[in-house]
Structures are given as structure tokens and as C-alpha cells.
Amino acid sequence: EPYSVGDPNAGVHAFNATLLALEHRRRTGEGSMVEAAMVDAAPSVAAEQVIEYSAYGALLQRDGNRGPTAAPQNLYLSTEIDEFG
């Protein structure tokens, strides 16, 4: 079922901002106001696509489990012992 990537992404941004605010308070004794809007966090999800298209004219496609830099992929638990355990 489709879902919005903005919701969890905004939560991650809010969490990181809270950690930074706590560190700022620890160092300076001053408080900070933390805001995290979904509309502000959402562009970070699309930044790679915008940069690739702007710089190279390349439209990125979904790779699923076929990413060139993540190996091994598509490993499934079996009853046999193999090189992965």
C-alpha cells in the first residue's frame, strides 16, 4: 500500500534537530526552538534525482534490490549451509 515518505522523513529531521538542540544546550546553556515541517523535509528525498537530471540529464529509475553498490542481495534463509551462514 502506498505511503508518504514525508511523514517518517520529517520525523528523522525533527529527531536530528532535537539532538542538535540538546548538544547546543549542553555547550552553551541556551535553549533552542526546534521546528520540523514535512514540506521542508520532503525535498531532501528528491535531491539526488534533481541533481542527476540537472547535471547530466539522467532520469533515475527504481532499482529495487538490484543496486550496484549493495551486495550481497536477495539472500533468503534456507535449510542448507552456504558461504553466508
PDB file of N, CA and C in Angstrom:
ATOM      1  N   GLU A   1       0.844  -1.172   0.000  1.00  0.00           N
ATOM      2  CA  GLU A   1       0.000   0.000   0.000  1.00  0.00           C
ATOM      3  C   GLU A   1       0.895   1.242   0.000  1.00  0.00           C
ATOM      4  N   PRO A   2       0.617   2.208  -0.857  1.00  0.00           N
ATOM      5  CA  PRO A   2       1.438   3.429  -0.913  1.00  0.00           C
ATOM      6  C   PRO A   2       1.404   4.199   0.410  1.00  0.00           C
ATOM      7  N   TYR A   3       2.473   4.876   0.689  1.00  0.00           N
ATOM      8  CA  TYR A   3       2.545   5.713   1.884  1.00  0.00           C
ATOM      9  C   TYR A   3       3.376   6.941   1.565  1.00  0.00           C
ATOM     10  N   SER A   4       3.297   7.920   2.418  1.00  0.00           N
ATOM     11  CA  SER A   4       4.032   9.160   2.230  1.00  0.00           C
ATOM     12  C   SER A   4       5.426   9.040   2.830  1.00  0.00           C
ATOM     13  N   VAL A   5       6.437   9.342   2.038  1.00  0.00           N
ATOM     14  CA  VAL A   5       7.801   9.335   2.581  1.00  0.00           C
ATOM     15  C   VAL A   5       8.048  10.581   3.421  1.00  0.00           C
ATOM     16  N   GLY A   6       7.176  11.581   3.281  1.00  0.00           N
ATOM     17  CA  GLY A   6       7.349  12.817   4.039  1.00  0.00           C
ATOM     18  C   GLY A   6       7.185  12.637   5.531  1.00  0.00           C
ATOM     19  N   ASP A   7       6.259  11.773   5.944  1.00  0.00           N
ATOM     20  CA  ASP A   7       5.995  11.603   7.376  1.00  0.00           C
ATOM     21  C   ASP A   7       7.218  11.089   8.136  1.00  0.00           C
ATOM     22  N   PRO A   8       7.764   9.929   7.783  1.00  0.00           N
ATOM     23  CA  PRO A   8       8.935   9.455   8.539  1.00  0.00           C
ATOM     24  C   PRO A   8      10.162  10.326   8.313  1.00  0.00           C
ATOM     25  N   ASN A   9      10.296  10.898   7.123  1.00  0.00           N
ATOM     26  CA  ASN A   9      11.447  11.750   6.844  1.00  0.00           C
ATOM     27  C   ASN A   9      11.415  13.001   7.717  1.00  0.00           C
ATOM     28  N   ALA A  10      10.244  13.596   7.894  1.00  0.00           N
ATOM     29  CA  ALA A  10      10.121  14.762   8.775  1.00  0.00           C
ATOM     30  C   ALA A  10      10.439  14.371  10.212  1.00  0.00           C
ATOM     31  N   GLY A  11      10.045  13.164  10.612  1.00  0.00           N
ATOM     32  CA  GLY A  11      10.375  12.693  11.954  1.00  0.00           C
ATOM     33  C   GLY A  11      11.868  12.571  12.170  1.00  0.00           C
ATOM     34  N   VAL A  12      12.570  12.076  11.168  1.00  0.00           N
ATOM     35  CA  VAL A  12      14.033  11.960  11.262  1.00  0.00           C
ATOM     36  C   VAL A  12      14.663  13.348  11.363  1.00  0.00           C
ATOM     37  N   HIS A  13      14.167  14.291  10.569  1.00  0.00           N
ATOM     38  CA  HIS A  13      14.677  15.664  10.641  1.00  0.00           C
ATOM     39  C   HIS A  13      14.417  16.265  12.024  1.00  0.00           C
ATOM     40  N   ALA A  14      13.221  16.033  12.575  1.00  0.00           N
ATOM     41  CA  ALA A  14      12.894  16.553  13.904  1.00  0.00           C
ATOM     42  C   ALA A  14      13.796  15.931  14.968  1.00  0.00           C
ATOM     43  N   PHE A  15      14.042  14.644  14.856  1.00  0.00           N
ATOM     44  CA  PHE A  15      14.911  13.954  15.814  1.00  0.00           C
ATOM     45  C   PHE A  15      16.329  14.523  15.757  1.00  0.00           C
ATOM     46  N   ASN A  16      16.865  14.689  14.550  1.00  0.00           N
ATOM     47  CA  ASN A  16      18.213  15.243  14.408  1.00  0.00           C
ATOM     48  C   ASN A  16      18.281  16.669  14.940  1.00  0.00           C
ATOM     49  N   ALA A  17      17.255  17.466  14.660  1.00  0.00           N
ATOM     50  CA  ALA A  17      17.231  18.839  15.162  1.00  0.00           C
ATOM     51  C   ALA A  17      17.172  18.863  16.683  1.00  0.00           C
ATOM     52  N   THR A  18      16.431  17.939  17.268  1.00  0.00           N
ATOM     53  CA  THR A  18      16.348  17.854  18.728  1.00  0.00           C
ATOM     54  C   THR A  18      17.701  17.489  19.332  1.00  0.00           C
ATOM     55  N   LEU A  19      18.394  16.538  18.715  1.00  0.00           N
ATOM     56  CA  LEU A  19      19.736  16.179  19.202  1.00  0.00           C
ATOM     57  C   LEU A  19      20.688  17.366  19.119  1.00  0.00           C
ATOM     58  N   LEU A  20      20.614  18.117  18.023  1.00  0.00           N
ATOM     59  CA  LEU A  20      21.470  19.299  17.888  1.00  0.00           C
ATOM     60  C   LEU A  20      21.121  20.350  18.936  1.00  0.00           C
ATOM     61  N   ALA A  21      19.829  20.531  19.203  1.00  0.00           N
ATOM     62  CA  ALA A  21      19.410  21.498  20.216  1.00  0.00           C
ATOM     63  C   ALA A  21      19.899  21.085  21.601  1.00  0.00           C
ATOM     64  N   LEU A  22      19.831  19.797  21.898  1.00  0.00           N
ATOM     65  CA  LEU A  22      20.325  19.316  23.190  1.00  0.00           C
ATOM     66  C   LEU A  22      21.834  19.515  23.323  1.00  0.00           C
ATOM     67  N   GLU A  23      22.558  19.268  22.246  1.00  0.00           N
ATOM     68  CA  GLU A  23      24.014  19.489  22.275  1.00  0.00           C
ATOM     69  C   GLU A  23      24.324  20.975  22.430  1.00  0.00           C
ATOM     70  N   HIS A  24      23.567  21.824  21.751  1.00  0.00           N
ATOM     71  CA  HIS A  24      23.750  23.271  21.882  1.00  0.00           C
ATOM     72  C   HIS A  24      23.505  23.706  23.331  1.00  0.00           C
ATOM     73  N   ARG A  25      22.452  23.162  23.954  1.00  0.00           N
ATOM     74  CA  ARG A  25      22.156  23.489  25.357  1.00  0.00           C
ATOM     75  C   ARG A  25      23.280  23.019  26.274  1.00  0.00           C
ATOM     76  N   ARG A  26      23.807  21.828  26.000  1.00  0.00           N
ATOM     77  CA  ARG A  26      24.891  21.302  26.831  1.00  0.00           C
ATOM     78  C   ARG A  26      26.126  22.203  26.759  1.00  0.00           C
ATOM     79  N   ARG A  27      26.416  22.701  25.560  1.00  0.00           N
ATOM     80  CA  ARG A  27      27.619  23.516  25.382  1.00  0.00           C
ATOM     81  C   ARG A  27      27.450  24.949  25.867  1.00  0.00           C
ATOM     82  N   THR A  28      26.256  25.524  25.646  1.00  0.00           N
ATOM     83  CA  THR A  28      26.080  26.953  25.909  1.00  0.00           C
ATOM     84  C   THR A  28      25.146  27.263  27.067  1.00  0.00           C
ATOM     85  N   GLY A  29      24.308  26.303  27.462  1.00  0.00           N
ATOM     86  CA  GLY A  29      23.305  26.570  28.480  1.00  0.00           C
ATOM     87  C   GLY A  29      22.073  27.263  27.922  1.00  0.00           C
ATOM     88  N   GLU A  30      22.067  27.541  26.621  1.00  0.00           N
ATOM     89  CA  GLU A  30      20.941  28.230  25.981  1.00  0.00           C
ATOM     90  C   GLU A  30      19.985  27.223  25.359  1.00  0.00           C
ATOM     91  N   GLY A  31      18.720  27.572  25.365  1.00  0.00           N
ATOM     92  CA  GLY A  31      17.721  26.739  24.710  1.00  0.00           C
ATOM     93  C   GLY A  31      17.621  27.057  23.226  1.00  0.00           C
ATOM     94  N   SER A  32      16.924  26.218  22.495  1.00  0.00           N
ATOM     95  CA  SER A  32      16.703  26.407  21.061  1.00  0.00           C
ATOM     96  C   SER A  32      15.257  26.085  20.734  1.00  0.00           C
ATOM     97  N   MET A  33      14.746  26.741  19.712  1.00  0.00           N
ATOM     98  CA  MET A  33      13.424  26.387  19.217  1.00  0.00           C
ATOM     99  C   MET A  33      13.609  25.430  18.042  1.00  0.00           C
ATOM    100  N   VAL A  34      12.950  24.288  18.088  1.00  0.00           N
ATOM    101  CA  VAL A  34      13.082  23.277  17.039  1.00  0.00           C
ATOM    102  C   VAL A  34      11.775  23.193  16.270  1.00  0.00           C
ATOM    103  N   GLU A  35      11.857  23.335  14.959  1.00  0.00           N
ATOM    104  CA  GLU A  35      10.705  23.161  14.080  1.00  0.00           C
ATOM    105  C   GLU A  35      11.083  22.150  13.011  1.00  0.00           C
ATOM    106  N   ALA A  36      10.143  21.324  12.630  1.00  0.00           N
ATOM    107  CA  ALA A  36      10.383  20.369  11.546  1.00  0.00           C
ATOM    108  C   ALA A  36       9.088  20.195  10.765  1.00  0.00           C
ATOM    109  N   ALA A  37       9.012  20.843   9.628  1.00  0.00           N
ATOM    110  CA  ALA A  37       7.822  20.745   8.787  1.00  0.00           C
ATOM    111  C   ALA A  37       8.047  19.704   7.704  1.00  0.00           C
ATOM    112  N   MET A  38       7.008  18.943   7.388  1.00  0.00           N
ATOM    113  CA  MET A  38       7.135  17.931   6.333  1.00  0.00           C
ATOM    114  C   MET A  38       7.509  18.564   5.002  1.00  0.00           C
ATOM    115  N   VAL A  39       6.978  19.741   4.725  1.00  0.00           N
ATOM    116  CA  VAL A  39       7.266  20.391   3.448  1.00  0.00           C
ATOM    117  C   VAL A  39       8.740  20.790   3.351  1.00  0.00           C
ATOM    118  N   ASP A  40       9.390  21.025   4.470  1.00  0.00           N
ATOM    119  CA  ASP A  40      10.820  21.340   4.457  1.00  0.00           C
ATOM    120  C   ASP A  40      11.685  20.089   4.346  1.00  0.00           C
ATOM    121  N   ALA A  41      11.217  18.985   4.898  1.00  0.00           N
ATOM    122  CA  ALA A  41      11.993  17.745   4.874  1.00  0.00           C
ATOM    123  C   ALA A  41      11.844  16.994   3.557  1.00  0.00           C
ATOM    124  N   ALA A  42      10.719  17.151   2.886  1.00  0.00           N
ATOM    125  CA  ALA A  42      10.439  16.376   1.674  1.00  0.00           C
ATOM    126  C   ALA A  42      11.456  16.570   0.552  1.00  0.00           C
ATOM    127  N   PRO A  43      11.942  17.787   0.284  1.00  0.00           N
ATOM    128  CA  PRO A  43      12.906  17.928  -0.822  1.00  0.00           C
ATOM    129  C   PRO A  43      14.183  17.115  -0.656  1.00  0.00           C
ATOM    130  N   SER A  44      14.569  16.795   0.574  1.00  0.00           N
ATOM    131  CA  SER A  44      15.793  16.015   0.750  1.00  0.00           C
ATOM    132  C   SER A  44      15.659  14.616   0.164  1.00  0.00           C
ATOM    133  N   VAL A  45      14.426  14.118   0.038  1.00  0.00           N
ATOM    134  CA  VAL A  45      14.203  12.795  -0.552  1.00  0.00           C
ATOM    135  C   VAL A  45      14.431  12.838  -2.062  1.00  0.00           C
ATOM    136  N   ALA A  46      14.129  13.971  -2.684  1.00  0.00           N
ATOM    137  CA  ALA A  46      14.222  14.077  -4.141  1.00  0.00           C
ATOM    138  C   ALA A  46      15.503  14.753  -4.613  1.00  0.00           C
ATOM    139  N   ALA A  47      16.367  15.155  -3.711  1.00  0.00           N
ATOM    140  CA  ALA A  47      17.551  15.921  -4.094  1.00  0.00           C
ATOM    141  C   ALA A  47      18.433  15.183  -5.093  1.00  0.00           C
ATOM    142  N   GLU A  48      18.657  13.898  -4.895  1.00  0.00           N
ATOM    143  CA  GLU A  48      19.533  13.150  -5.800  1.00  0.00           C
ATOM    144  C   GLU A  48      18.991  13.149  -7.223  1.00  0.00           C
ATOM    145  N   GLN A  49      17.687  12.952  -7.365  1.00  0.00           N
ATOM    146  CA  GLN A  49      17.086  12.936  -8.691  1.00  0.00           C
ATOM    147  C   GLN A  49      17.223  14.296  -9.370  1.00  0.00           C
ATOM    148  N   VAL A  50      17.009  15.366  -8.638  1.00  0.00           N
ATOM    149  CA  VAL A  50      17.112  16.717  -9.199  1.00  0.00           C
ATOM    150  C   VAL A  50      18.544  16.996  -9.635  1.00  0.00           C
ATOM    151  N   ILE A  51      19.509  16.637  -8.811  1.00  0.00           N
ATOM    152  CA  ILE A  51      20.915  16.885  -9.140  1.00  0.00           C
ATOM    153  C   ILE A  51      21.337  16.077 -10.360  1.00  0.00           C
ATOM    154  N   GLU A  52      21.000  14.794 -10.405  1.00  0.00           N
ATOM    155  CA  GLU A  52      21.378  13.953 -11.553  1.00  0.00           C
ATOM    156  C   GLU A  52      20.782  14.486 -12.853  1.00  0.00           C
ATOM    157  N   TYR A  53      19.529  14.916 -12.802  1.00  0.00           N
ATOM    158  CA  TYR A  53      18.898  15.423 -14.019  1.00  0.00           C
ATOM    159  C   TYR A  53      19.492  16.777 -14.411  1.00  0.00           C
ATOM    160  N   SER A  54      19.708  17.657 -13.434  1.00  0.00           N
ATOM    161  CA  SER A  54      20.260  18.981 -13.724  1.00  0.00           C
ATOM    162  C   SER A  54      21.678  18.894 -14.273  1.00  0.00           C
ATOM    163  N   ALA A  55      22.490  18.024 -13.701  1.00  0.00           N
ATOM    164  CA  ALA A  55      23.894  17.935 -14.094  1.00  0.00           C
ATOM    165  C   ALA A  55      24.117  17.102 -15.346  1.00  0.00           C
ATOM    166  N   TYR A  56      23.379  15.981 -15.484  1.00  0.00           N
ATOM    167  CA  TYR A  56      23.677  15.029 -16.548  1.00  0.00           C
ATOM    168  C   TYR A  56      22.503  14.716 -17.458  1.00  0.00           C
ATOM    169  N   GLY A  57      21.325  15.229 -17.146  1.00  0.00           N
ATOM    170  CA  GLY A  57      20.141  14.906 -17.941  1.00  0.00           C
ATOM    171  C   GLY A  57      19.675  13.475 -17.741  1.00  0.00           C
ATOM    172  N   ALA A  58      20.122  12.842 -16.668  1.00  0.00           N
ATOM    173  CA  ALA A  58      19.788  11.436 -16.413  1.00  0.00           C
ATOM    174  C   ALA A  58      18.543  11.337 -15.545  1.00  0.00           C
ATOM    175  N   LEU A  59      17.577  10.548 -16.003  1.00  0.00           N
ATOM    176  CA  LEU A  59      16.396  10.255 -15.205  1.00  0.00           C
ATOM    177  C   LEU A  59      16.659   8.968 -14.431  1.00  0.00           C
ATOM    178  N   LEU A  60      16.713   9.060 -13.123  1.00  0.00           N
ATOM    179  CA  LEU A  60      16.977   7.882 -12.303  1.00  0.00           C
ATOM    180  C   LEU A  60      15.763   6.969 -12.283  1.00  0.00           C
ATOM    181  N   GLN A  61      16.028   5.683 -12.316  1.00  0.00           N
ATOM    182  CA  GLN A  61      14.971   4.680 -12.289  1.00  0.00           C
ATOM    183  C   GLN A  61      15.031   3.928 -10.968  1.00  0.00           C
ATOM    184  N   ARG A  62      13.939   3.285 -10.621  1.00  0.00           N
ATOM    185  CA  ARG A  62      13.931   2.451  -9.420  1.00  0.00           C
ATOM    186  C   ARG A  62      14.776   1.207  -9.671  1.00  0.00           C
ATOM    187  N   ASP A  63      15.629   0.874  -8.708  1.00  0.00           N
ATOM    188  CA  ASP A  63      16.493  -0.297  -8.845  1.00  0.00           C
ATOM    189  C   ASP A  63      15.999  -1.492  -8.047  1.00  0.00           C
ATOM    190  N   GLY A  64      15.110  -1.262  -7.103  1.00  0.00           N
ATOM    191  CA  GLY A  64      14.668  -2.368  -6.261  1.00  0.00           C
ATOM    192  C   GLY A  64      15.850  -2.961  -5.522  1.00  0.00           C
ATOM    193  N   ASN A  65      16.049  -4.258  -5.629  1.00  0.00           N
ATOM    194  CA  ASN A  65      17.173  -4.939  -4.983  1.00  0.00           C
ATOM    195  C   ASN A  65      18.354  -5.118  -5.921  1.00  0.00           C
ATOM    196  N   ARG A  66      18.429  -4.336  -6.973  1.00  0.00           N
ATOM    197  CA  ARG A  66      19.495  -4.501  -7.955  1.00  0.00           C
ATOM    198  C   ARG A  66      20.520  -3.374  -7.898  1.00  0.00           C
ATOM    199  N   GLY A  67      20.706  -2.763  -6.743  1.00  0.00           N
ATOM    200  CA  GLY A  67      21.662  -1.675  -6.625  1.00  0.00           C
ATOM    201  C   GLY A  67      23.081  -2.143  -6.893  1.00  0.00           C
ATOM    202  N   PRO A  68      23.884  -1.340  -7.595  1.00  0.00           N
ATOM    203  CA  PRO A  68      25.241  -1.748  -7.955  1.00  0.00           C
ATOM    204  C   PRO A  68      26.222  -1.737  -6.787  1.00  0.00           C
ATOM    205  N   THR A  69      25.868  -1.102  -5.678  1.00  0.00           N
ATOM    206  CA  THR A  69      26.823  -0.983  -4.576  1.00  0.00           C
ATOM    207  C   THR A  69      26.408  -1.730  -3.319  1.00  0.00           C
ATOM    208  N   ALA A  70      25.322  -2.466  -3.361  1.00  0.00           N
ATOM    209  CA  ALA A  70      24.860  -3.182  -2.171  1.00  0.00           C
ATOM    210  C   ALA A  70      24.864  -4.678  -2.448  1.00  0.00           C
ATOM    211  N   ALA A  71      25.892  -5.346  -1.977  1.00  0.00           N
ATOM    212  CA  ALA A  71      25.980  -6.785  -2.217  1.00  0.00           C
ATOM    213  C   ALA A  71      26.346  -7.456  -0.912  1.00  0.00           C
ATOM    214  N   PRO A  72      25.956  -8.654  -0.643  1.00  0.00           N
ATOM    215  CA  PRO A  72      25.090  -9.489  -1.478  1.00  0.00           C
ATOM    216  C   PRO A  72      23.626  -9.072  -1.331  1.00  0.00           C
ATOM    217  N   GLN A  73      22.838  -9.412  -2.336  1.00  0.00           N
ATOM    218  CA  GLN A  73      21.424  -9.054  -2.352  1.00  0.00           C
ATOM    219  C   GLN A  73      20.566 -10.288  -2.559  1.00  0.00           C
ATOM    220  N   ASN A  74      19.302 -10.161  -2.191  1.00  0.00           N
ATOM    221  CA  ASN A  74      18.317 -11.235  -2.366  1.00  0.00           C
ATOM    222  C   ASN A  74      18.756 -12.539  -1.709  1.00  0.00           C
ATOM    223  N   LEU A  75      19.236 -12.443  -0.481  1.00  0.00           N
ATOM    224  CA  LEU A  75      19.594 -13.642   0.275  1.00  0.00           C
ATOM    225  C   LEU A  75      18.391 -14.082   1.088  1.00  0.00           C
ATOM    226  N   TYR A  76      18.127 -15.368   1.078  1.00  0.00           N
ATOM    227  CA  TYR A  76      16.973 -15.904   1.783  1.00  0.00           C
ATOM    228  C   TYR A  76      17.415 -17.071   2.655  1.00  0.00           C
ATOM    229  N   LEU A  77      16.816 -17.166   3.817  1.00  0.00           N
ATOM    230  CA  LEU A  77      17.120 -18.246   4.736  1.00  0.00           C
ATOM    231  C   LEU A  77      16.717 -19.580   4.118  1.00  0.00           C
ATOM    232  N   SER A  78      17.609 -20.542   4.185  1.00  0.00           N
ATOM    233  CA  SER A  78      17.310 -21.875   3.657  1.00  0.00           C
ATOM    234  C   SER A  78      17.764 -22.920   4.670  1.00  0.00           C
ATOM    235  N   THR A  79      17.464 -24.157   4.374  1.00  0.00           N
ATOM    236  CA  THR A  79      17.868 -25.236   5.280  1.00  0.00           C
ATOM    237  C   THR A  79      19.309 -25.659   5.049  1.00  0.00           C
ATOM    238  N   GLU A  80      19.898 -25.265   3.939  1.00  0.00           N
ATOM    239  CA  GLU A  80      21.276 -25.638   3.610  1.00  0.00           C
ATOM    240  C   GLU A  80      22.259 -24.612   4.173  1.00  0.00           C
ATOM    241  N   ILE A  81      23.464 -25.058   4.451  1.00  0.00           N
ATOM    242  CA  ILE A  81      24.534 -24.168   4.876  1.00  0.00           C
ATOM    243  C   ILE A  81      25.282 -23.729   3.629  1.00  0.00           C
ATOM    244  N   ASP A  82      25.513 -22.429   3.504  1.00  0.00           N
ATOM    245  CA  ASP A  82      26.287 -21.930   2.369  1.00  0.00           C
ATOM    246  C   ASP A  82      27.323 -20.931   2.871  1.00  0.00           C
ATOM    247  N   GLU A  83      27.968 -20.212   1.971  1.00  0.00           N
ATOM    248  CA  GLU A  83      29.035 -19.301   2.366  1.00  0.00           C
ATOM    249  C   GLU A  83      28.547 -18.114   3.196  1.00  0.00           C
ATOM    250  N   PHE A  84      27.227 -17.888   3.259  1.00  0.00           N
ATOM    251  CA  PHE A  84      26.687 -16.781   4.045  1.00  0.00           C
ATOM    252  C   PHE A  84      26.142 -17.238   5.392  1.00  0.00           C
ATOM    253  N   GLY A  85      26.273 -18.493   5.735  1.00  0.00           N
ATOM    254  CA  GLY A  85      25.860 -18.931   7.053  1.00  0.00           C
ATOM    255  C   GLY A  85      24.915 -20.056   7.005  1.00  0.00           C
TER     256      GLY A  85
END
